[in-house]
Amino acid sequence: SEWNVPATPDERRYCVLDVGGERRKDRRYFAALDEQMANGGAEAMLHELMHRKITHDVGAAPVTAALGHQIAAGLKPIWRLLVRAADEGVIRMGGLHQPLNENSCTSLSKASVMEWIEGEYFGRLPPREVGEALKAAGIETRKTSRVDRHPSQKQASAIKGNRLLQFPPRAELQKNIEAALGYSLEILTGGC
């Protein structure tokens, strides 16, 4: 499983690191470390640690890309979906790839978005959980009008039913998600 630490968006307890595998099974390297530690290395390390000036808050776990991955893996499904869409700049609904507008709102039918959510997670998510996440992300519900029924939107199957979900411009959506979760998308998607 990719979720190794039960980290949450308000995490303050864990320091999570990704460890490279380039020295995996490198017996000579680890034998040299053991040799060094057995011949004064442990004492030298203790001396270094005791005399090192600490300039950071030792009570705060460092925010790392690995911690971001653990937080993202532990997010509720609706939040994982929103983080992915905001990061990639596109909502992938079956065969439809709806880009999120950079400078204006993106409107999609509520029914289509709910189908997208249910399709991604093989079933219905709790409506309250979905509603709270959409609201926190700044995604608003409004009724359709004749103006909303533009032929290009019909062609893309973006309009079904009589309610629209209006996604804010992509940068605003990203900012709203970051504010709601308390971490940057860069951290949550491992790009830090």
N, C-alpha and C. Protein backbone atom coordinates (compact mmCIF):
# COMPACT_ATOMS: atom_id res chain seq x y z
N SER A 1 0.83 -1.19 0.00
CA SER A 1 0.00 0.00 0.00
C SER A 1 0.87 1.24 0.00
N GLU A 2 0.41 2.26 -0.67
CA GLU A 2 1.13 3.53 -0.71
C GLU A 2 0.92 4.34 0.56
N TRP A 3 -0.13 4.03 1.33
CA TRP A 3 -0.42 4.81 2.54
C TRP A 3 0.21 4.11 3.72
N ASN A 4 1.39 4.57 4.15
CA ASN A 4 2.15 3.93 5.22
C ASN A 4 1.98 4.62 6.56
N VAL A 5 1.65 5.90 6.55
CA VAL A 5 1.53 6.71 7.75
C VAL A 5 0.14 7.35 7.74
N PRO A 6 -0.61 7.21 8.81
CA PRO A 6 -1.96 7.80 8.81
C PRO A 6 -1.93 9.32 8.97
N ALA A 7 -1.26 9.99 8.05
CA ALA A 7 -1.12 11.44 8.10
C ALA A 7 -2.40 12.10 7.61
N THR A 8 -2.76 13.21 8.24
CA THR A 8 -3.96 13.95 7.90
C THR A 8 -3.58 15.38 7.51
N PRO A 9 -4.50 16.13 6.89
CA PRO A 9 -4.15 17.49 6.48
C PRO A 9 -3.69 18.40 7.63
N ASP A 10 -4.08 18.10 8.86
CA ASP A 10 -3.62 18.92 9.99
C ASP A 10 -2.44 18.27 10.71
N GLU A 11 -1.66 17.51 9.98
CA GLU A 11 -0.57 16.71 10.55
C GLU A 11 0.48 17.54 11.26
N ARG A 12 0.91 17.05 12.42
CA ARG A 12 1.96 17.70 13.19
C ARG A 12 2.85 16.70 13.89
N ARG A 13 2.59 15.40 13.68
CA ARG A 13 3.29 14.37 14.45
C ARG A 13 4.38 13.64 13.70
N TYR A 14 4.32 13.57 12.40
CA TYR A 14 5.21 12.67 11.67
C TYR A 14 6.23 13.40 10.81
N CYS A 15 7.41 12.83 10.78
CA CYS A 15 8.43 13.21 9.81
C CYS A 15 8.53 12.02 8.86
N VAL A 16 8.15 12.21 7.62
CA VAL A 16 8.15 11.12 6.65
C VAL A 16 9.18 11.44 5.58
N LEU A 17 10.05 10.48 5.31
CA LEU A 17 11.11 10.66 4.32
C LEU A 17 11.04 9.57 3.27
N ASP A 18 11.34 9.92 2.04
CA ASP A 18 11.55 8.93 0.99
C ASP A 18 13.05 8.64 0.99
N VAL A 19 13.39 7.38 1.10
CA VAL A 19 14.80 6.99 1.16
C VAL A 19 15.17 6.37 -0.18
N GLY A 20 16.23 6.87 -0.76
CA GLY A 20 16.68 6.35 -2.05
C GLY A 20 17.15 4.90 -1.95
N GLY A 21 17.11 4.21 -3.03
CA GLY A 21 17.49 2.80 -3.04
C GLY A 21 18.85 2.53 -3.66
N GLU A 22 19.62 3.60 -3.93
CA GLU A 22 20.90 3.38 -4.63
C GLU A 22 21.92 2.59 -3.80
N ARG A 23 21.78 2.57 -2.48
CA ARG A 23 22.72 1.81 -1.64
C ARG A 23 22.12 0.49 -1.13
N ARG A 24 20.94 0.17 -1.61
CA ARG A 24 20.29 -1.07 -1.19
C ARG A 24 21.21 -2.26 -1.49
N LYS A 25 21.42 -3.07 -0.49
CA LYS A 25 22.25 -4.29 -0.57
C LYS A 25 23.71 -3.99 -0.91
N ASP A 26 24.16 -2.78 -0.63
CA ASP A 26 25.56 -2.41 -0.86
C ASP A 26 26.34 -2.76 0.41
N ARG A 27 26.75 -4.00 0.53
CA ARG A 27 27.39 -4.52 1.75
C ARG A 27 28.69 -3.79 2.08
N ARG A 28 29.47 -3.44 1.08
CA ARG A 28 30.73 -2.74 1.34
C ARG A 28 30.48 -1.37 1.96
N TYR A 29 29.48 -0.67 1.46
CA TYR A 29 29.16 0.66 1.98
C TYR A 29 28.75 0.57 3.45
N PHE A 30 27.83 -0.34 3.75
CA PHE A 30 27.34 -0.45 5.13
C PHE A 30 28.40 -1.05 6.07
N ALA A 31 29.27 -1.91 5.55
CA ALA A 31 30.36 -2.44 6.36
C ALA A 31 31.32 -1.30 6.74
N ALA A 32 31.58 -0.39 5.80
CA ALA A 32 32.45 0.75 6.09
C ALA A 32 31.80 1.66 7.14
N LEU A 33 30.50 1.85 7.07
CA LEU A 33 29.80 2.64 8.09
C LEU A 33 29.90 1.98 9.46
N ASP A 34 29.68 0.67 9.49
CA ASP A 34 29.79 -0.06 10.75
C ASP A 34 31.20 0.06 11.32
N GLU A 35 32.20 -0.07 10.47
CA GLU A 35 33.59 0.05 10.88
C GLU A 35 33.87 1.43 11.48
N GLN A 36 33.41 2.46 10.79
CA GLN A 36 33.61 3.82 11.26
C GLN A 36 32.93 4.03 12.61
N MET A 37 31.69 3.57 12.75
CA MET A 37 30.95 3.75 14.01
C MET A 37 31.63 3.00 15.16
N ALA A 38 32.19 1.83 14.88
CA ALA A 38 32.84 1.03 15.92
C ALA A 38 34.19 1.61 16.34
N ASN A 39 34.78 2.45 15.51
CA ASN A 39 36.11 2.99 15.79
C ASN A 39 36.08 4.52 15.99
N GLY A 40 35.23 4.95 16.87
CA GLY A 40 35.19 6.37 17.23
C GLY A 40 34.12 7.18 16.52
N GLY A 41 33.44 6.60 15.56
CA GLY A 41 32.42 7.33 14.80
C GLY A 41 31.21 7.68 15.66
N ALA A 42 30.79 6.77 16.53
CA ALA A 42 29.64 7.04 17.39
C ALA A 42 29.94 8.20 18.33
N GLU A 43 31.13 8.21 18.90
CA GLU A 43 31.52 9.29 19.79
C GLU A 43 31.60 10.63 19.05
N ALA A 44 32.15 10.60 17.84
CA ALA A 44 32.27 11.82 17.04
C ALA A 44 30.89 12.35 16.68
N MET A 45 29.95 11.46 16.35
CA MET A 45 28.61 11.88 16.02
C MET A 45 27.92 12.49 17.25
N LEU A 46 28.10 11.87 18.43
CA LEU A 46 27.52 12.40 19.66
C LEU A 46 28.08 13.80 19.95
N HIS A 47 29.37 13.97 19.78
CA HIS A 47 30.00 15.27 19.99
C HIS A 47 29.39 16.32 19.04
N GLU A 48 29.26 15.95 17.79
CA GLU A 48 28.67 16.86 16.79
C GLU A 48 27.26 17.25 17.19
N LEU A 49 26.45 16.29 17.58
CA LEU A 49 25.06 16.57 17.95
C LEU A 49 24.95 17.43 19.21
N MET A 50 25.83 17.18 20.17
CA MET A 50 25.78 17.94 21.42
C MET A 50 26.24 19.39 21.24
N HIS A 51 27.07 19.66 20.26
CA HIS A 51 27.61 21.00 20.06
C HIS A 51 27.00 21.73 18.86
N ARG A 52 26.07 21.12 18.22
CA ARG A 52 25.41 21.73 17.07
C ARG A 52 24.42 22.79 17.54
N LYS A 53 24.43 23.94 16.89
CA LYS A 53 23.47 24.99 17.22
C LYS A 53 22.15 24.66 16.50
N ILE A 54 21.08 24.57 17.27
CA ILE A 54 19.77 24.25 16.71
C ILE A 54 19.07 25.56 16.39
N THR A 55 18.71 25.73 15.13
CA THR A 55 18.11 26.99 14.69
C THR A 55 16.67 26.83 14.21
N HIS A 56 16.11 25.65 14.34
CA HIS A 56 14.73 25.43 13.89
C HIS A 56 13.89 24.91 15.05
N ASP A 57 12.59 24.90 14.88
CA ASP A 57 11.66 24.43 15.89
C ASP A 57 11.68 22.90 15.89
N VAL A 58 12.31 22.31 16.90
CA VAL A 58 12.41 20.85 16.95
C VAL A 58 11.08 20.19 17.29
N GLY A 59 10.09 20.99 17.70
CA GLY A 59 8.77 20.45 18.01
C GLY A 59 7.87 20.34 16.80
N ALA A 60 8.31 20.87 15.66
CA ALA A 60 7.50 20.83 14.44
C ALA A 60 8.13 19.84 13.45
N ALA A 61 7.33 18.89 13.04
CA ALA A 61 7.81 17.92 12.05
C ALA A 61 8.03 18.63 10.72
N PRO A 62 9.12 18.32 10.02
CA PRO A 62 9.35 18.97 8.73
C PRO A 62 8.33 18.53 7.70
N VAL A 63 7.94 19.46 6.85
CA VAL A 63 7.02 19.15 5.77
C VAL A 63 7.85 18.68 4.58
N THR A 64 7.65 17.45 4.18
CA THR A 64 8.42 16.85 3.09
C THR A 64 7.47 16.36 2.00
N ALA A 65 8.03 16.09 0.84
CA ALA A 65 7.23 15.52 -0.25
C ALA A 65 6.63 14.19 0.18
N ALA A 66 7.40 13.39 0.91
CA ALA A 66 6.90 12.09 1.37
C ALA A 66 5.72 12.27 2.32
N LEU A 67 5.77 13.27 3.19
CA LEU A 67 4.64 13.54 4.07
C LEU A 67 3.44 13.97 3.23
N GLY A 68 3.67 14.81 2.23
CA GLY A 68 2.58 15.22 1.34
C GLY A 68 1.91 14.04 0.67
N HIS A 69 2.71 13.07 0.21
CA HIS A 69 2.14 11.86 -0.41
C HIS A 69 1.29 11.09 0.59
N GLN A 70 1.74 11.00 1.83
CA GLN A 70 0.99 10.28 2.86
C GLN A 70 -0.32 11.01 3.19
N ILE A 71 -0.27 12.32 3.25
CA ILE A 71 -1.49 13.10 3.49
C ILE A 71 -2.45 12.90 2.33
N ALA A 72 -1.96 13.01 1.11
CA ALA A 72 -2.81 12.85 -0.07
C ALA A 72 -3.44 11.46 -0.12
N ALA A 73 -2.65 10.44 0.23
CA ALA A 73 -3.19 9.07 0.21
C ALA A 73 -4.28 8.88 1.26
N GLY A 74 -4.22 9.66 2.33
CA GLY A 74 -5.21 9.54 3.39
C GLY A 74 -6.40 10.46 3.25
N LEU A 75 -6.41 11.29 2.20
CA LEU A 75 -7.53 12.20 2.01
C LEU A 75 -8.80 11.43 1.67
N LYS A 76 -9.92 12.03 1.99
CA LYS A 76 -11.21 11.46 1.58
C LYS A 76 -11.24 11.46 0.06
N PRO A 77 -11.93 10.51 -0.54
CA PRO A 77 -11.91 10.38 -2.01
C PRO A 77 -12.25 11.67 -2.76
N ILE A 78 -13.22 12.43 -2.29
CA ILE A 78 -13.58 13.65 -3.01
C ILE A 78 -12.42 14.63 -3.03
N TRP A 79 -11.67 14.71 -1.93
CA TRP A 79 -10.52 15.61 -1.90
C TRP A 79 -9.40 15.12 -2.82
N ARG A 80 -9.18 13.80 -2.89
CA ARG A 80 -8.15 13.27 -3.80
C ARG A 80 -8.50 13.64 -5.24
N LEU A 81 -9.77 13.55 -5.57
CA LEU A 81 -10.24 13.87 -6.91
C LEU A 81 -10.05 15.35 -7.22
N LEU A 82 -10.39 16.22 -6.27
CA LEU A 82 -10.25 17.66 -6.47
C LEU A 82 -8.78 18.06 -6.56
N VAL A 83 -7.93 17.47 -5.73
CA VAL A 83 -6.49 17.77 -5.78
C VAL A 83 -5.94 17.39 -7.15
N ARG A 84 -6.30 16.20 -7.62
CA ARG A 84 -5.80 15.75 -8.92
C ARG A 84 -6.27 16.67 -10.04
N ALA A 85 -7.56 17.05 -10.02
CA ALA A 85 -8.10 17.92 -11.08
C ALA A 85 -7.43 19.28 -11.04
N ALA A 86 -7.26 19.85 -9.86
CA ALA A 86 -6.62 21.17 -9.75
C ALA A 86 -5.16 21.11 -10.17
N ASP A 87 -4.48 20.03 -9.83
CA ASP A 87 -3.07 19.88 -10.19
C ASP A 87 -2.90 19.70 -11.69
N GLU A 88 -3.70 18.82 -12.29
CA GLU A 88 -3.58 18.52 -13.72
C GLU A 88 -4.24 19.58 -14.59
N GLY A 89 -5.21 20.33 -14.02
CA GLY A 89 -5.91 21.34 -14.79
C GLY A 89 -6.98 20.78 -15.70
N VAL A 90 -7.41 19.56 -15.40
CA VAL A 90 -8.42 18.93 -16.26
C VAL A 90 -9.27 17.98 -15.42
N ILE A 91 -10.54 17.91 -15.77
CA ILE A 91 -11.44 16.93 -15.15
C ILE A 91 -11.65 15.85 -16.19
N ARG A 92 -11.29 14.64 -15.85
CA ARG A 92 -11.42 13.51 -16.77
C ARG A 92 -12.65 12.70 -16.39
N MET A 93 -13.70 12.84 -17.22
CA MET A 93 -14.95 12.12 -16.96
C MET A 93 -15.17 11.14 -18.10
N GLY A 94 -14.85 9.88 -17.87
CA GLY A 94 -15.00 8.91 -18.94
C GLY A 94 -14.16 9.35 -20.12
N GLY A 95 -14.81 9.53 -21.27
CA GLY A 95 -14.12 9.98 -22.47
C GLY A 95 -13.96 11.48 -22.56
N LEU A 96 -14.62 12.22 -21.67
CA LEU A 96 -14.55 13.67 -21.69
C LEU A 96 -13.39 14.16 -20.86
N HIS A 97 -12.60 15.04 -21.45
CA HIS A 97 -11.51 15.71 -20.73
C HIS A 97 -11.83 17.19 -20.74
N GLN A 98 -12.37 17.68 -19.63
CA GLN A 98 -12.78 19.08 -19.54
C GLN A 98 -11.68 19.89 -18.87
N PRO A 99 -10.98 20.72 -19.65
CA PRO A 99 -9.95 21.56 -19.04
C PRO A 99 -10.58 22.57 -18.07
N LEU A 100 -9.88 22.87 -17.00
CA LEU A 100 -10.31 23.93 -16.10
C LEU A 100 -9.78 25.24 -16.66
N ASN A 101 -10.66 26.21 -16.81
CA ASN A 101 -10.25 27.50 -17.35
C ASN A 101 -9.26 28.18 -16.41
N GLU A 102 -8.28 28.83 -16.98
CA GLU A 102 -7.27 29.54 -16.19
C GLU A 102 -7.78 30.89 -15.70
N ASN A 103 -8.59 31.58 -16.53
CA ASN A 103 -8.98 32.96 -16.22
C ASN A 103 -10.47 33.16 -15.99
N SER A 104 -11.25 32.12 -16.12
CA SER A 104 -12.69 32.24 -15.91
C SER A 104 -13.21 30.94 -15.32
N CYS A 105 -14.46 30.97 -14.93
CA CYS A 105 -15.07 29.78 -14.31
C CYS A 105 -15.32 28.70 -15.35
N THR A 106 -15.33 27.46 -14.91
CA THR A 106 -15.68 26.31 -15.74
C THR A 106 -16.99 25.77 -15.19
N SER A 107 -18.00 25.69 -16.03
CA SER A 107 -19.30 25.20 -15.59
C SER A 107 -19.57 23.82 -16.17
N LEU A 108 -19.97 22.92 -15.31
CA LEU A 108 -20.32 21.55 -15.71
C LEU A 108 -21.63 21.18 -15.02
N SER A 109 -22.37 20.29 -15.65
CA SER A 109 -23.62 19.89 -15.00
C SER A 109 -23.30 19.14 -13.71
N LYS A 110 -24.13 19.38 -12.73
CA LYS A 110 -23.96 18.71 -11.44
C LYS A 110 -24.07 17.20 -11.63
N ALA A 111 -25.00 16.76 -12.47
CA ALA A 111 -25.18 15.33 -12.72
C ALA A 111 -23.91 14.71 -13.30
N SER A 112 -23.26 15.42 -14.25
CA SER A 112 -22.02 14.90 -14.85
C SER A 112 -20.91 14.79 -13.83
N VAL A 113 -20.79 15.82 -12.99
CA VAL A 113 -19.74 15.81 -11.97
C VAL A 113 -20.00 14.69 -10.97
N MET A 114 -21.25 14.49 -10.58
CA MET A 114 -21.55 13.41 -9.64
C MET A 114 -21.27 12.05 -10.28
N GLU A 115 -21.57 11.90 -11.57
CA GLU A 115 -21.23 10.65 -12.28
C GLU A 115 -19.71 10.45 -12.28
N TRP A 116 -18.95 11.54 -12.49
CA TRP A 116 -17.49 11.49 -12.49
C TRP A 116 -17.00 11.00 -11.13
N ILE A 117 -17.53 11.59 -10.06
CA ILE A 117 -17.11 11.22 -8.71
C ILE A 117 -17.45 9.76 -8.44
N GLU A 118 -18.67 9.36 -8.75
CA GLU A 118 -19.09 7.97 -8.51
C GLU A 118 -18.31 7.00 -9.38
N GLY A 119 -18.01 7.40 -10.63
CA GLY A 119 -17.25 6.54 -11.52
C GLY A 119 -15.82 6.33 -11.06
N GLU A 120 -15.22 7.38 -10.50
CA GLU A 120 -13.85 7.29 -10.01
C GLU A 120 -13.76 6.41 -8.77
N TYR A 121 -14.81 6.42 -7.97
CA TYR A 121 -14.76 5.71 -6.69
C TYR A 121 -15.77 4.59 -6.57
N PHE A 122 -16.21 4.09 -7.73
CA PHE A 122 -17.05 2.90 -7.80
C PHE A 122 -18.24 2.95 -6.85
N GLY A 123 -18.89 4.06 -6.79
CA GLY A 123 -20.08 4.16 -5.97
C GLY A 123 -20.27 5.55 -5.41
N ARG A 124 -21.34 5.67 -4.72
CA ARG A 124 -21.76 6.96 -4.19
C ARG A 124 -21.00 7.31 -2.92
N LEU A 125 -20.50 8.54 -2.88
CA LEU A 125 -19.87 9.05 -1.68
C LEU A 125 -20.93 9.77 -0.86
N PRO A 126 -20.72 9.90 0.44
CA PRO A 126 -21.71 10.60 1.27
C PRO A 126 -21.96 12.02 0.72
N PRO A 127 -23.22 12.35 0.41
CA PRO A 127 -23.52 13.66 -0.19
C PRO A 127 -23.03 14.84 0.65
N ARG A 128 -23.12 14.73 1.95
CA ARG A 128 -22.67 15.83 2.82
C ARG A 128 -21.16 16.05 2.67
N GLU A 129 -20.41 14.95 2.63
CA GLU A 129 -18.95 15.01 2.46
C GLU A 129 -18.59 15.67 1.13
N VAL A 130 -19.30 15.29 0.08
CA VAL A 130 -19.06 15.87 -1.24
C VAL A 130 -19.42 17.35 -1.23
N GLY A 131 -20.59 17.68 -0.69
CA GLY A 131 -21.03 19.08 -0.64
C GLY A 131 -20.07 19.96 0.14
N GLU A 132 -19.59 19.48 1.28
CA GLU A 132 -18.66 20.27 2.10
C GLU A 132 -17.34 20.50 1.35
N ALA A 133 -16.85 19.47 0.67
CA ALA A 133 -15.60 19.61 -0.07
C ALA A 133 -15.77 20.57 -1.24
N LEU A 134 -16.86 20.44 -1.99
CA LEU A 134 -17.09 21.33 -3.12
C LEU A 134 -17.19 22.78 -2.65
N LYS A 135 -17.90 23.00 -1.55
CA LYS A 135 -18.05 24.35 -1.02
C LYS A 135 -16.70 24.91 -0.59
N ALA A 136 -15.91 24.10 0.13
CA ALA A 136 -14.59 24.56 0.60
C ALA A 136 -13.67 24.86 -0.57
N ALA A 137 -13.84 24.16 -1.68
CA ALA A 137 -13.01 24.38 -2.86
C ALA A 137 -13.51 25.57 -3.70
N GLY A 138 -14.63 26.17 -3.27
CA GLY A 138 -15.17 27.33 -3.98
C GLY A 138 -15.99 26.97 -5.20
N ILE A 139 -16.46 25.73 -5.26
CA ILE A 139 -17.27 25.26 -6.38
C ILE A 139 -18.74 25.52 -6.02
N GLU A 140 -19.40 26.34 -6.82
CA GLU A 140 -20.76 26.77 -6.50
C GLU A 140 -21.78 26.06 -7.37
N THR A 141 -22.99 25.89 -6.82
CA THR A 141 -24.10 25.30 -7.56
C THR A 141 -25.02 26.43 -8.01
N ARG A 142 -25.46 26.36 -9.24
CA ARG A 142 -26.45 27.32 -9.71
C ARG A 142 -27.33 26.66 -10.76
N LYS A 143 -28.50 27.25 -10.99
CA LYS A 143 -29.44 26.72 -11.99
C LYS A 143 -28.97 27.09 -13.38
N THR A 144 -29.28 26.24 -14.34
CA THR A 144 -28.92 26.55 -15.73
C THR A 144 -29.90 27.56 -16.28
N SER A 145 -29.47 28.25 -17.30
CA SER A 145 -30.35 29.17 -18.03
C SER A 145 -30.15 28.86 -19.50
N ARG A 146 -30.91 29.51 -20.35
CA ARG A 146 -30.75 29.27 -21.79
C ARG A 146 -29.33 29.62 -22.24
N VAL A 147 -28.74 30.63 -21.65
CA VAL A 147 -27.38 31.04 -22.00
C VAL A 147 -26.40 29.92 -21.70
N ASP A 148 -26.65 29.17 -20.59
CA ASP A 148 -25.75 28.09 -20.20
C ASP A 148 -25.79 26.93 -21.19
N ARG A 149 -26.86 26.85 -21.95
CA ARG A 149 -27.02 25.69 -22.85
C ARG A 149 -26.38 25.96 -24.21
N HIS A 150 -25.13 26.35 -24.17
CA HIS A 150 -24.34 26.61 -25.38
C HIS A 150 -24.10 25.29 -26.10
N PRO A 151 -24.21 25.26 -27.44
CA PRO A 151 -24.05 24.00 -28.19
C PRO A 151 -22.75 23.27 -27.91
N SER A 152 -21.65 24.00 -27.71
CA SER A 152 -20.37 23.31 -27.47
C SER A 152 -20.41 22.55 -26.16
N GLN A 153 -21.12 23.08 -25.16
CA GLN A 153 -21.22 22.38 -23.89
C GLN A 153 -22.10 21.14 -24.05
N LYS A 154 -23.18 21.25 -24.84
CA LYS A 154 -24.03 20.08 -25.07
C LYS A 154 -23.21 18.99 -25.75
N GLN A 155 -22.41 19.42 -26.74
CA GLN A 155 -21.60 18.49 -27.50
C GLN A 155 -20.64 17.72 -26.58
N ALA A 156 -20.11 18.39 -25.59
CA ALA A 156 -19.16 17.77 -24.67
C ALA A 156 -19.88 17.06 -23.53
N SER A 157 -21.19 16.95 -23.61
CA SER A 157 -22.00 16.31 -22.56
C SER A 157 -21.80 16.99 -21.21
N ALA A 158 -21.51 18.27 -21.24
CA ALA A 158 -21.28 18.98 -19.99
C ALA A 158 -22.57 19.39 -19.32
N ILE A 159 -23.68 19.45 -20.07
CA ILE A 159 -24.95 19.87 -19.50
C ILE A 159 -25.90 18.68 -19.44
N LYS A 160 -26.25 18.29 -18.25
CA LYS A 160 -27.27 17.26 -18.00
C LYS A 160 -28.06 17.77 -16.82
N GLY A 161 -29.36 17.69 -16.87
CA GLY A 161 -30.15 18.15 -15.75
C GLY A 161 -30.24 19.66 -15.75
N ASN A 162 -30.64 20.24 -14.63
CA ASN A 162 -30.85 21.68 -14.61
C ASN A 162 -29.99 22.40 -13.58
N ARG A 163 -28.95 21.79 -13.09
CA ARG A 163 -28.04 22.45 -12.14
C ARG A 163 -26.61 22.36 -12.67
N LEU A 164 -25.89 23.44 -12.46
CA LEU A 164 -24.48 23.49 -12.85
C LEU A 164 -23.61 23.59 -11.62
N LEU A 165 -22.44 23.01 -11.71
CA LEU A 165 -21.39 23.27 -10.72
C LEU A 165 -20.40 24.19 -11.42
N GLN A 166 -20.15 25.32 -10.79
CA GLN A 166 -19.26 26.31 -11.37
C GLN A 166 -17.93 26.27 -10.62
N PHE A 167 -16.90 25.75 -11.31
CA PHE A 167 -15.55 25.68 -10.77
C PHE A 167 -14.89 27.04 -10.94
N PRO A 168 -14.23 27.56 -9.92
CA PRO A 168 -13.53 28.84 -10.08
C PRO A 168 -12.35 28.67 -11.04
N PRO A 169 -11.76 29.76 -11.49
CA PRO A 169 -10.54 29.64 -12.31
C PRO A 169 -9.52 28.75 -11.60
N ARG A 170 -8.71 28.07 -12.38
CA ARG A 170 -7.82 27.04 -11.83
C ARG A 170 -6.97 27.53 -10.67
N ALA A 171 -6.33 28.69 -10.79
CA ALA A 171 -5.47 29.19 -9.71
C ALA A 171 -6.27 29.42 -8.43
N GLU A 172 -7.48 29.91 -8.58
CA GLU A 172 -8.34 30.14 -7.41
C GLU A 172 -8.76 28.80 -6.79
N LEU A 173 -9.07 27.82 -7.64
CA LEU A 173 -9.42 26.48 -7.15
C LEU A 173 -8.24 25.90 -6.36
N GLN A 174 -7.03 26.03 -6.90
CA GLN A 174 -5.85 25.53 -6.21
C GLN A 174 -5.68 26.22 -4.86
N LYS A 175 -5.83 27.54 -4.84
CA LYS A 175 -5.70 28.31 -3.60
C LYS A 175 -6.75 27.87 -2.57
N ASN A 176 -7.98 27.66 -3.02
CA ASN A 176 -9.06 27.23 -2.11
C ASN A 176 -8.78 25.85 -1.53
N ILE A 177 -8.30 24.93 -2.36
CA ILE A 177 -7.98 23.58 -1.89
C ILE A 177 -6.83 23.64 -0.89
N GLU A 178 -5.81 24.42 -1.21
CA GLU A 178 -4.68 24.56 -0.29
C GLU A 178 -5.12 25.14 1.05
N ALA A 179 -6.01 26.12 1.03
CA ALA A 179 -6.50 26.72 2.27
C ALA A 179 -7.32 25.72 3.07
N ALA A 180 -8.14 24.93 2.38
CA ALA A 180 -8.99 23.96 3.07
C ALA A 180 -8.18 22.82 3.68
N LEU A 181 -7.12 22.40 2.98
CA LEU A 181 -6.33 21.26 3.44
C LEU A 181 -5.10 21.67 4.25
N GLY A 182 -4.68 22.91 4.12
CA GLY A 182 -3.53 23.39 4.90
C GLY A 182 -2.18 23.02 4.32
N TYR A 183 -2.15 22.55 3.10
CA TYR A 183 -0.88 22.21 2.43
C TYR A 183 -0.96 22.66 0.98
N SER A 184 0.19 22.97 0.40
CA SER A 184 0.22 23.36 -1.00
C SER A 184 -0.02 22.12 -1.88
N LEU A 185 -0.53 22.38 -3.08
CA LEU A 185 -0.70 21.28 -4.04
C LEU A 185 0.65 20.67 -4.37
N GLU A 186 1.68 21.50 -4.36
CA GLU A 186 3.03 21.01 -4.66
C GLU A 186 3.43 19.93 -3.64
N ILE A 187 3.12 20.16 -2.37
CA ILE A 187 3.42 19.17 -1.33
C ILE A 187 2.52 17.93 -1.51
N LEU A 188 1.22 18.16 -1.72
CA LEU A 188 0.27 17.05 -1.81
C LEU A 188 0.51 16.16 -3.03
N THR A 189 1.08 16.74 -4.07
CA THR A 189 1.33 15.95 -5.28
C THR A 189 2.79 15.54 -5.40
N GLY A 190 3.59 15.86 -4.39
CA GLY A 190 4.97 15.40 -4.35
C GLY A 190 5.95 16.21 -5.17
N GLY A 191 5.58 17.42 -5.55
CA GLY A 191 6.47 18.21 -6.37
C GLY A 191 7.40 19.13 -5.63
N CYS A 192 7.45 19.03 -4.28
CA CYS A 192 8.28 19.99 -3.54
C CYS A 192 9.74 19.61 -3.58
